[in-house]
Amino acid sequence: MTLEVGDPAAPVTVLSGVDLDVRGGELLTLVGPGGCGKSTIFALVAGLVRPTRGQVLIDGVPVTGPALERGVVVQQHGLFPWRSARANVEFGLEARGVHGGERDRRARELLELVGLAGAGECYPYELPLADRQLVALARSLAFDPGVLLLDEPFAGLEARDRARLGTELVRVWRKTGKTVLLITHDLGEAVRLGRRVAVMTAAPGRIREIVDVGPPGETPRARPAACGRRQVWSLLRCEVAAARERRVAAAHG
């Protein structure tokens, strides 16, 4: 899979030769050096951009654009400020044609699922940032997507809130069985939350290796996760160094 951007006469290759297989029902995390194309992979799978060559398949069907079967959660939660938390979740249910009392009941269930059972009548400005992200997660789940895509959803949060949201994500994943692709720049988060961690190379990005680090949610001190963490860190260190060398070479012409 290759994506080129910029002037057609002098395109820049963002991704080249990407081969990534996300297993049905797994929580896979994706890490890599800055500028390697992590968010571009997110945009490709979400259907927001199309590859110059290659294709993205979900259950054997090519991705040609955005669709309700792919839920999206990004750093900017995008909640409607004029709607309560419950009404924001109901937006996803409205899109599916759920009406009346069933919509209200389902919205309350989804808020309970993400740990916000008592926050349904709060407006976004009344909620801490971490809780707004959980409302965004519940709203995405309201579409009942088969695949959940998360692009740095915990960025900008304090460490305690990041850990809490990560725990909630794993709990939701275990309960729903959704296929989840989580893009993060946080190594510890990637190892703790993913069963497998895909490590990208420096730009133009490709998948260098996929490391199995054990069941999601286990403490990094657990032996399998600790071994996986060291392996992922070693791979990342090499790619960060390669990215730095390329920048220096480019700066000196």
C-alpha atoms as a PDB file:
ATOM      1  CA  MET A   1       0.000   0.000   0.000  1.00  0.00           C
ATOM      2  CA  THR A   2       1.522   3.313  -1.064  1.00  0.00           C
ATOM      3  CA  LEU A   3       0.289   6.842  -0.477  1.00  0.00           C
ATOM      4  CA  GLU A   4       1.797   9.880  -2.159  1.00  0.00           C
ATOM      5  CA  VAL A   5       0.909  13.470  -1.247  1.00  0.00           C
ATOM      6  CA  GLY A   6       1.801  16.953  -2.448  1.00  0.00           C
ATOM      7  CA  ASP A   7       2.474  18.289  -5.939  1.00  0.00           C
ATOM      8  CA  PRO A   8       1.727  15.520  -8.488  1.00  0.00           C
ATOM      9  CA  ALA A   9       4.888  16.578 -10.325  1.00  0.00           C
ATOM     10  CA  ALA A  10       6.968  16.006  -7.190  1.00  0.00           C
ATOM     11  CA  PRO A  11       4.986  13.751  -4.856  1.00  0.00           C
ATOM     12  CA  VAL A  12       6.132  12.760  -1.395  1.00  0.00           C
ATOM     13  CA  THR A  13       5.740   9.098  -0.515  1.00  0.00           C
ATOM     14  CA  VAL A  14       4.238   8.849   2.962  1.00  0.00           C
ATOM     15  CA  LEU A  15       3.800   5.065   3.114  1.00  0.00           C
ATOM     16  CA  SER A  16       5.438   2.416   0.992  1.00  0.00           C
ATOM     17  CA  GLY A  17       4.915  -1.326   0.995  1.00  0.00           C
ATOM     18  CA  VAL A  18       2.702  -1.364   4.074  1.00  0.00           C
ATOM     19  CA  ASP A  19       1.439  -4.865   4.873  1.00  0.00           C
ATOM     20  CA  LEU A  20      -0.704  -4.951   8.003  1.00  0.00           C
ATOM     21  CA  ASP A  21      -3.203  -7.668   8.907  1.00  0.00           C
ATOM     22  CA  VAL A  22      -5.440  -6.849  11.873  1.00  0.00           C
ATOM     23  CA  ARG A  23      -7.134  -9.993  13.140  1.00  0.00           C
ATOM     24  CA  GLY A  24     -10.852  -9.994  13.735  1.00  0.00           C
ATOM     25  CA  GLY A  25     -11.698  -9.234  17.356  1.00  0.00           C
ATOM     26  CA  GLU A  26      -8.168  -8.214  18.398  1.00  0.00           C
ATOM     27  CA  LEU A  27      -6.868  -5.017  19.971  1.00  0.00           C
ATOM     28  CA  LEU A  28      -3.758  -4.095  17.987  1.00  0.00           C
ATOM     29  CA  THR A  29      -1.638  -1.043  18.769  1.00  0.00           C
ATOM     30  CA  LEU A  30       0.489   0.844  16.248  1.00  0.00           C
ATOM     31  CA  VAL A  31       3.640   2.816  17.134  1.00  0.00           C
ATOM     32  CA  GLY A  32       6.475   4.415  15.222  1.00  0.00           C
ATOM     33  CA  PRO A  33       8.778   7.460  15.048  1.00  0.00           C
ATOM     34  CA  GLY A  34       7.254  10.878  14.431  1.00  0.00           C
ATOM     35  CA  GLY A  35       6.208  11.464  10.833  1.00  0.00           C
ATOM     36  CA  CYS A  36       6.257   7.775   9.877  1.00  0.00           C
ATOM     37  CA  GLY A  37       2.642   7.770   8.695  1.00  0.00           C
ATOM     38  CA  LYS A  38       0.724   6.345  11.687  1.00  0.00           C
ATOM     39  CA  SER A  39      -2.137   8.809  11.300  1.00  0.00           C
ATOM     40  CA  THR A  40      -2.106   8.269   7.544  1.00  0.00           C
ATOM     41  CA  ILE A  41      -2.794   4.570   8.104  1.00  0.00           C
ATOM     42  CA  PHE A  42      -5.671   5.628  10.349  1.00  0.00           C
ATOM     43  CA  ALA A  43      -7.036   7.880   7.582  1.00  0.00           C
ATOM     44  CA  LEU A  44      -6.709   5.090   5.016  1.00  0.00           C
ATOM     45  CA  VAL A  45      -8.576   2.540   7.119  1.00  0.00           C
ATOM     46  CA  ALA A  46     -11.201   5.138   8.027  1.00  0.00           C
ATOM     47  CA  GLY A  47     -11.712   5.803   4.320  1.00  0.00           C
ATOM     48  CA  LEU A  48     -10.753   9.482   4.586  1.00  0.00           C
ATOM     49  CA  VAL A  49      -8.010   9.159   1.954  1.00  0.00           C
ATOM     50  CA  ARG A  50      -7.265   6.591  -0.733  1.00  0.00           C
ATOM     51  CA  PRO A  51      -3.914   4.931  -1.458  1.00  0.00           C
ATOM     52  CA  THR A  52      -2.052   5.694  -4.670  1.00  0.00           C
ATOM     53  CA  ARG A  53      -1.375   1.978  -5.015  1.00  0.00           C
ATOM     54  CA  GLY A  54      -2.674  -1.010  -3.112  1.00  0.00           C
ATOM     55  CA  GLN A  55      -5.912  -1.281  -1.178  1.00  0.00           C
ATOM     56  CA  VAL A  56      -7.426  -1.510   2.282  1.00  0.00           C
ATOM     57  CA  LEU A  57      -9.739  -4.479   2.854  1.00  0.00           C
ATOM     58  CA  ILE A  58     -12.175  -5.141   5.691  1.00  0.00           C
ATOM     59  CA  ASP A  59     -13.612  -8.650   5.608  1.00  0.00           C
ATOM     60  CA  GLY A  60     -12.399  -8.856   2.016  1.00  0.00           C
ATOM     61  CA  VAL A  61     -14.299  -5.720   0.945  1.00  0.00           C
ATOM     62  CA  PRO A  62     -12.271  -2.705  -0.315  1.00  0.00           C
ATOM     63  CA  VAL A  63     -12.548   0.512   1.685  1.00  0.00           C
ATOM     64  CA  THR A  64     -13.652   3.289  -0.661  1.00  0.00           C
ATOM     65  CA  GLY A  65     -14.778   5.938   1.829  1.00  0.00           C
ATOM     66  CA  PRO A  66     -16.078   6.544   5.353  1.00  0.00           C
ATOM     67  CA  ALA A  67     -18.755   4.127   6.610  1.00  0.00           C
ATOM     68  CA  LEU A  68     -20.706   3.489   9.805  1.00  0.00           C
ATOM     69  CA  GLU A  69     -19.082   0.059  10.082  1.00  0.00           C
ATOM     70  CA  ARG A  70     -15.879   1.842  11.161  1.00  0.00           C
ATOM     71  CA  GLY A  71     -16.105   3.773  14.409  1.00  0.00           C
ATOM     72  CA  VAL A  72     -13.627   6.632  14.835  1.00  0.00           C
ATOM     73  CA  VAL A  73     -12.250   8.271  17.984  1.00  0.00           C
ATOM     74  CA  VAL A  74      -9.542  10.952  17.713  1.00  0.00           C
ATOM     75  CA  GLN A  75      -7.763  13.348  20.072  1.00  0.00           C
ATOM     76  CA  GLN A  76     -10.361  16.059  19.479  1.00  0.00           C
ATOM     77  CA  HIS A  77     -13.531  14.449  20.815  1.00  0.00           C
ATOM     78  CA  GLY A  78     -15.846  16.418  18.503  1.00  0.00           C
ATOM     79  CA  LEU A  79     -18.832  16.292  20.859  1.00  0.00           C
ATOM     80  CA  PHE A  80     -21.763  18.600  20.145  1.00  0.00           C
ATOM     81  CA  PRO A  81     -21.576  21.259  22.913  1.00  0.00           C
ATOM     82  CA  TRP A  82     -25.344  21.872  22.809  1.00  0.00           C
ATOM     83  CA  ARG A  83     -26.115  18.208  23.536  1.00  0.00           C
ATOM     84  CA  SER A  84     -25.816  16.384  26.836  1.00  0.00           C
ATOM     85  CA  ALA A  85     -23.578  13.338  27.074  1.00  0.00           C
ATOM     86  CA  ARG A  86     -26.623  11.090  26.585  1.00  0.00           C
ATOM     87  CA  ALA A  87     -27.844  13.131  23.612  1.00  0.00           C
ATOM     88  CA  ASN A  88     -24.391  12.984  22.040  1.00  0.00           C
ATOM     89  CA  VAL A  89     -24.480   9.189  22.254  1.00  0.00           C
ATOM     90  CA  GLU A  90     -28.018   9.215  20.868  1.00  0.00           C
ATOM     91  CA  PHE A  91     -26.678  10.898  17.728  1.00  0.00           C
ATOM     92  CA  GLY A  92     -25.098   7.617  16.701  1.00  0.00           C
ATOM     93  CA  LEU A  93     -28.328   5.795  17.396  1.00  0.00           C
ATOM     94  CA  GLU A  94     -30.309   8.324  15.359  1.00  0.00           C
ATOM     95  CA  ALA A  95     -28.045   7.577  12.400  1.00  0.00           C
ATOM     96  CA  ARG A  96     -29.015   3.901  12.746  1.00  0.00           C
ATOM     97  CA  GLY A  97     -32.725   4.733  12.846  1.00  0.00           C
ATOM     98  CA  VAL A  98     -33.256   3.865  16.521  1.00  0.00           C
ATOM     99  CA  HIS A  99     -36.215   5.827  17.912  1.00  0.00           C
ATOM    100  CA  GLY A 100     -37.915   6.833  21.154  1.00  0.00           C
ATOM    101  CA  GLY A 101     -37.467   4.952  24.365  1.00  0.00           C
ATOM    102  CA  GLU A 102     -35.187   2.352  22.784  1.00  0.00           C
ATOM    103  CA  ARG A 103     -32.746   5.079  21.780  1.00  0.00           C
ATOM    104  CA  ASP A 104     -32.740   6.524  25.297  1.00  0.00           C
ATOM    105  CA  ARG A 105     -32.280   3.077  26.865  1.00  0.00           C
ATOM    106  CA  ARG A 106     -29.439   2.144  24.541  1.00  0.00           C
ATOM    107  CA  ALA A 107     -27.645   5.470  25.094  1.00  0.00           C
ATOM    108  CA  ARG A 108     -27.763   4.937  28.843  1.00  0.00           C
ATOM    109  CA  GLU A 109     -26.403   1.409  28.421  1.00  0.00           C
ATOM    110  CA  LEU A 110     -23.475   2.656  26.347  1.00  0.00           C
ATOM    111  CA  LEU A 111     -22.616   5.351  28.877  1.00  0.00           C
ATOM    112  CA  GLU A 112     -22.664   2.694  31.585  1.00  0.00           C
ATOM    113  CA  LEU A 113     -20.452   0.502  29.396  1.00  0.00           C
ATOM    114  CA  VAL A 114     -17.719   3.183  29.324  1.00  0.00           C
ATOM    115  CA  GLY A 115     -18.051   3.921  33.048  1.00  0.00           C
ATOM    116  CA  LEU A 116     -20.168   7.088  32.860  1.00  0.00           C
ATOM    117  CA  ALA A 117     -23.535   5.861  34.112  1.00  0.00           C
ATOM    118  CA  GLY A 118     -24.151   9.031  36.155  1.00  0.00           C
ATOM    119  CA  ALA A 119     -23.005  11.587  33.580  1.00  0.00           C
ATOM    120  CA  GLY A 120     -25.773  11.333  30.988  1.00  0.00           C
ATOM    121  CA  GLU A 121     -27.311  14.752  31.639  1.00  0.00           C
ATOM    122  CA  CYS A 122     -23.987  16.604  31.804  1.00  0.00           C
ATOM    123  CA  TYR A 123     -22.901  18.797  28.915  1.00  0.00           C
ATOM    124  CA  PRO A 124     -19.383  18.455  27.509  1.00  0.00           C
ATOM    125  CA  TYR A 125     -18.133  21.636  29.195  1.00  0.00           C
ATOM    126  CA  GLU A 126     -19.169  20.162  32.552  1.00  0.00           C
ATOM    127  CA  LEU A 127     -17.063  17.043  32.085  1.00  0.00           C
ATOM    128  CA  PRO A 128     -13.294  16.626  32.436  1.00  0.00           C
ATOM    129  CA  LEU A 129     -11.438  15.958  29.203  1.00  0.00           C
ATOM    130  CA  ALA A 130     -11.005  12.264  29.993  1.00  0.00           C
ATOM    131  CA  ASP A 131     -14.754  11.817  30.419  1.00  0.00           C
ATOM    132  CA  ARG A 132     -15.436  13.656  27.168  1.00  0.00           C
ATOM    133  CA  GLN A 133     -13.262  11.111  25.403  1.00  0.00           C
ATOM    134  CA  LEU A 134     -15.274   8.325  26.986  1.00  0.00           C
ATOM    135  CA  VAL A 135     -18.496   9.942  25.745  1.00  0.00           C
ATOM    136  CA  ALA A 136     -16.925  10.080  22.269  1.00  0.00           C
ATOM    137  CA  LEU A 137     -16.114   6.371  22.580  1.00  0.00           C
ATOM    138  CA  ALA A 138     -19.703   5.590  23.604  1.00  0.00           C
ATOM    139  CA  ARG A 139     -21.026   7.647  20.685  1.00  0.00           C
ATOM    140  CA  SER A 140     -18.781   5.754  18.280  1.00  0.00           C
ATOM    141  CA  LEU A 141     -20.000   2.439  19.694  1.00  0.00           C
ATOM    142  CA  ALA A 142     -23.599   3.570  19.153  1.00  0.00           C
ATOM    143  CA  PHE A 143     -23.101   3.067  15.419  1.00  0.00           C
ATOM    144  CA  ASP A 144     -22.327  -0.595  16.263  1.00  0.00           C
ATOM    145  CA  PRO A 145     -19.179  -0.644  14.120  1.00  0.00           C
ATOM    146  CA  GLY A 146     -17.338  -3.861  13.426  1.00  0.00           C
ATOM    147  CA  VAL A 147     -14.012  -2.000  13.584  1.00  0.00           C
ATOM    148  CA  LEU A 148     -13.039   0.720  16.051  1.00  0.00           C
ATOM    149  CA  LEU A 149     -10.244   3.110  15.025  1.00  0.00           C
ATOM    150  CA  LEU A 150      -8.524   5.289  17.609  1.00  0.00           C
ATOM    151  CA  ASP A 151      -5.904   7.879  16.673  1.00  0.00           C
ATOM    152  CA  GLU A 152      -4.054   9.198  19.747  1.00  0.00           C
ATOM    153  CA  PRO A 153      -7.330   9.427  21.720  1.00  0.00           C
ATOM    154  CA  PHE A 154      -5.532   9.880  25.048  1.00  0.00           C
ATOM    155  CA  ALA A 155      -2.985  12.480  23.904  1.00  0.00           C
ATOM    156  CA  GLY A 156      -2.882  15.570  26.092  1.00  0.00           C
ATOM    157  CA  LEU A 157      -4.224  13.761  29.162  1.00  0.00           C
ATOM    158  CA  GLU A 158      -2.386  13.368  32.445  1.00  0.00           C
ATOM    159  CA  ALA A 159      -0.773   9.992  33.083  1.00  0.00           C
ATOM    160  CA  ARG A 160      -3.454   8.968  35.593  1.00  0.00           C
ATOM    161  CA  ASP A 161      -6.246   9.762  33.134  1.00  0.00           C
ATOM    162  CA  ARG A 162      -4.435   7.982  30.292  1.00  0.00           C
ATOM    163  CA  ALA A 163      -4.138   4.868  32.433  1.00  0.00           C
ATOM    164  CA  ARG A 164      -7.817   5.049  33.410  1.00  0.00           C
ATOM    165  CA  LEU A 165      -9.015   5.455  29.829  1.00  0.00           C
ATOM    166  CA  GLY A 166      -6.743   2.662  28.674  1.00  0.00           C
ATOM    167  CA  THR A 167      -8.244   0.377  31.287  1.00  0.00           C
ATOM    168  CA  GLU A 168     -11.764   1.371  30.198  1.00  0.00           C
ATOM    169  CA  LEU A 169     -10.885   0.720  26.564  1.00  0.00           C
ATOM    170  CA  VAL A 170      -9.632  -2.798  27.318  1.00  0.00           C
ATOM    171  CA  ARG A 171     -12.745  -3.502  29.386  1.00  0.00           C
ATOM    172  CA  VAL A 172     -15.022  -2.282  26.568  1.00  0.00           C
ATOM    173  CA  TRP A 173     -13.045  -4.319  24.035  1.00  0.00           C
ATOM    174  CA  ARG A 174     -13.351  -7.482  26.120  1.00  0.00           C
ATOM    175  CA  LYS A 175     -17.084  -6.985  26.581  1.00  0.00           C
ATOM    176  CA  THR A 176     -17.914  -6.110  22.954  1.00  0.00           C
ATOM    177  CA  GLY A 177     -15.399  -8.212  21.018  1.00  0.00           C
ATOM    178  CA  LYS A 178     -14.799  -5.334  18.574  1.00  0.00           C
ATOM    179  CA  THR A 179     -11.760  -5.246  16.318  1.00  0.00           C
ATOM    180  CA  VAL A 180      -9.705  -2.297  17.585  1.00  0.00           C
ATOM    181  CA  LEU A 181      -6.760  -0.470  15.988  1.00  0.00           C
ATOM    182  CA  LEU A 182      -5.167   1.970  18.446  1.00  0.00           C
ATOM    183  CA  ILE A 183      -2.533   4.409  17.204  1.00  0.00           C
ATOM    184  CA  THR A 184      -0.343   5.872  19.925  1.00  0.00           C
ATOM    185  CA  HIS A 185       3.062   7.486  20.440  1.00  0.00           C
ATOM    186  CA  ASP A 186       3.265   6.111  23.991  1.00  0.00           C
ATOM    187  CA  LEU A 187       5.336   2.921  24.129  1.00  0.00           C
ATOM    188  CA  GLY A 188       4.082   1.848  27.553  1.00  0.00           C
ATOM    189  CA  GLU A 189       0.492   2.375  26.448  1.00  0.00           C
ATOM    190  CA  ALA A 190       1.040   0.363  23.268  1.00  0.00           C
ATOM    191  CA  VAL A 191       2.507  -2.583  25.174  1.00  0.00           C
ATOM    192  CA  ARG A 192      -0.054  -2.506  27.993  1.00  0.00           C
ATOM    193  CA  LEU A 193      -3.147  -2.239  25.805  1.00  0.00           C
ATOM    194  CA  GLY A 194      -2.321  -4.300  22.727  1.00  0.00           C
ATOM    195  CA  ARG A 195      -2.038  -8.062  22.398  1.00  0.00           C
ATOM    196  CA  ARG A 196       0.195  -7.310  19.416  1.00  0.00           C
ATOM    197  CA  VAL A 197       2.172  -4.141  18.731  1.00  0.00           C
ATOM    198  CA  ALA A 198       2.915  -3.129  15.141  1.00  0.00           C
ATOM    199  CA  VAL A 199       6.139  -1.099  14.885  1.00  0.00           C
ATOM    200  CA  MET A 200       6.549   1.210  11.882  1.00  0.00           C
ATOM    201  CA  THR A 201       9.763   2.287  10.206  1.00  0.00           C
ATOM    202  CA  ALA A 202      10.860   5.872   9.661  1.00  0.00           C
ATOM    203  CA  ALA A 203       9.223   7.587   6.685  1.00  0.00           C
ATOM    204  CA  PRO A 204       8.305   6.444   4.158  1.00  0.00           C
ATOM    205  CA  GLY A 205       6.544   4.226   6.634  1.00  0.00           C
ATOM    206  CA  ARG A 206       6.038   0.490   6.469  1.00  0.00           C
ATOM    207  CA  ILE A 207       5.487  -2.183   9.106  1.00  0.00           C
ATOM    208  CA  ARG A 208       8.886  -3.271  10.358  1.00  0.00           C
ATOM    209  CA  GLU A 209       7.664  -5.933  12.774  1.00  0.00           C
ATOM    210  CA  ILE A 210       4.622  -7.017  14.765  1.00  0.00           C
ATOM    211  CA  VAL A 211       5.448  -8.062  18.325  1.00  0.00           C
ATOM    212  CA  ASP A 212       3.196 -10.287  20.437  1.00  0.00           C
ATOM    213  CA  VAL A 213       3.282  -8.861  23.963  1.00  0.00           C
ATOM    214  CA  GLY A 214       0.622 -10.976  25.702  1.00  0.00           C
ATOM    215  CA  PRO A 215      -2.956 -10.318  26.862  1.00  0.00           C
ATOM    216  CA  PRO A 216      -4.044  -6.637  26.852  1.00  0.00           C
ATOM    217  CA  GLY A 217      -4.302  -4.851  30.161  1.00  0.00           C
ATOM    218  CA  GLU A 218      -1.519  -6.724  31.948  1.00  0.00           C
ATOM    219  CA  THR A 219       1.001  -4.689  33.881  1.00  0.00           C
ATOM    220  CA  PRO A 220       4.228  -3.966  31.955  1.00  0.00           C
ATOM    221  CA  ARG A 221       6.052  -5.650  34.830  1.00  0.00           C
ATOM    222  CA  ALA A 222       4.520  -9.004  33.900  1.00  0.00           C
ATOM    223  CA  ARG A 223       7.216 -11.075  32.215  1.00  0.00           C
ATOM    224  CA  PRO A 224       5.696 -11.458  28.698  1.00  0.00           C
ATOM    225  CA  ALA A 225       4.867  -7.750  28.538  1.00  0.00           C
ATOM    226  CA  ALA A 226       8.310  -6.785  29.863  1.00  0.00           C
ATOM    227  CA  CYS A 227      10.024  -8.863  27.174  1.00  0.00           C
ATOM    228  CA  GLY A 228       7.734  -7.402  24.516  1.00  0.00           C
ATOM    229  CA  ARG A 229       8.375  -3.889  25.775  1.00  0.00           C
ATOM    230  CA  ARG A 230      12.139  -4.347  25.439  1.00  0.00           C
ATOM    231  CA  GLN A 231      11.751  -5.716  21.930  1.00  0.00           C
ATOM    232  CA  VAL A 232       9.409  -2.918  20.838  1.00  0.00           C
ATOM    233  CA  TRP A 233      11.690  -0.289  22.395  1.00  0.00           C
ATOM    234  CA  SER A 234      14.727  -1.734  20.621  1.00  0.00           C
ATOM    235  CA  LEU A 235      12.923  -1.590  17.277  1.00  0.00           C
ATOM    236  CA  LEU A 236      11.673   1.942  17.901  1.00  0.00           C
ATOM    237  CA  ARG A 237      15.104   3.166  18.974  1.00  0.00           C
ATOM    238  CA  CYS A 238      16.571   1.990  15.664  1.00  0.00           C
ATOM    239  CA  GLU A 239      13.832   3.686  13.666  1.00  0.00           C
ATOM    240  CA  VAL A 240      14.041   6.966  15.599  1.00  0.00           C
ATOM    241  CA  ALA A 241      17.792   7.019  14.956  1.00  0.00           C
ATOM    242  CA  ALA A 242      17.196   6.328  11.251  1.00  0.00           C
ATOM    243  CA  ALA A 243      14.673   9.167  11.067  1.00  0.00           C
ATOM    244  CA  ARG A 244      17.155  11.532  12.711  1.00  0.00           C
ATOM    245  CA  GLU A 245      19.905  10.581  10.276  1.00  0.00           C
ATOM    246  CA  ARG A 246      17.596  11.197   7.309  1.00  0.00           C
ATOM    247  CA  ARG A 247      16.657  14.644   8.630  1.00  0.00           C
ATOM    248  CA  VAL A 248      20.327  15.560   9.076  1.00  0.00           C
ATOM    249  CA  ALA A 249      21.176  14.312   5.588  1.00  0.00           C
ATOM    250  CA  ALA A 250      18.280  16.267   4.081  1.00  0.00           C
ATOM    251  CA  ALA A 251      19.304  19.445   5.911  1.00  0.00           C
ATOM    252  CA  HIS A 252      22.809  19.222   4.443  1.00  0.00           C
ATOM    253  CA  GLY A 253      21.508  18.644   0.928  1.00  0.00           C
END
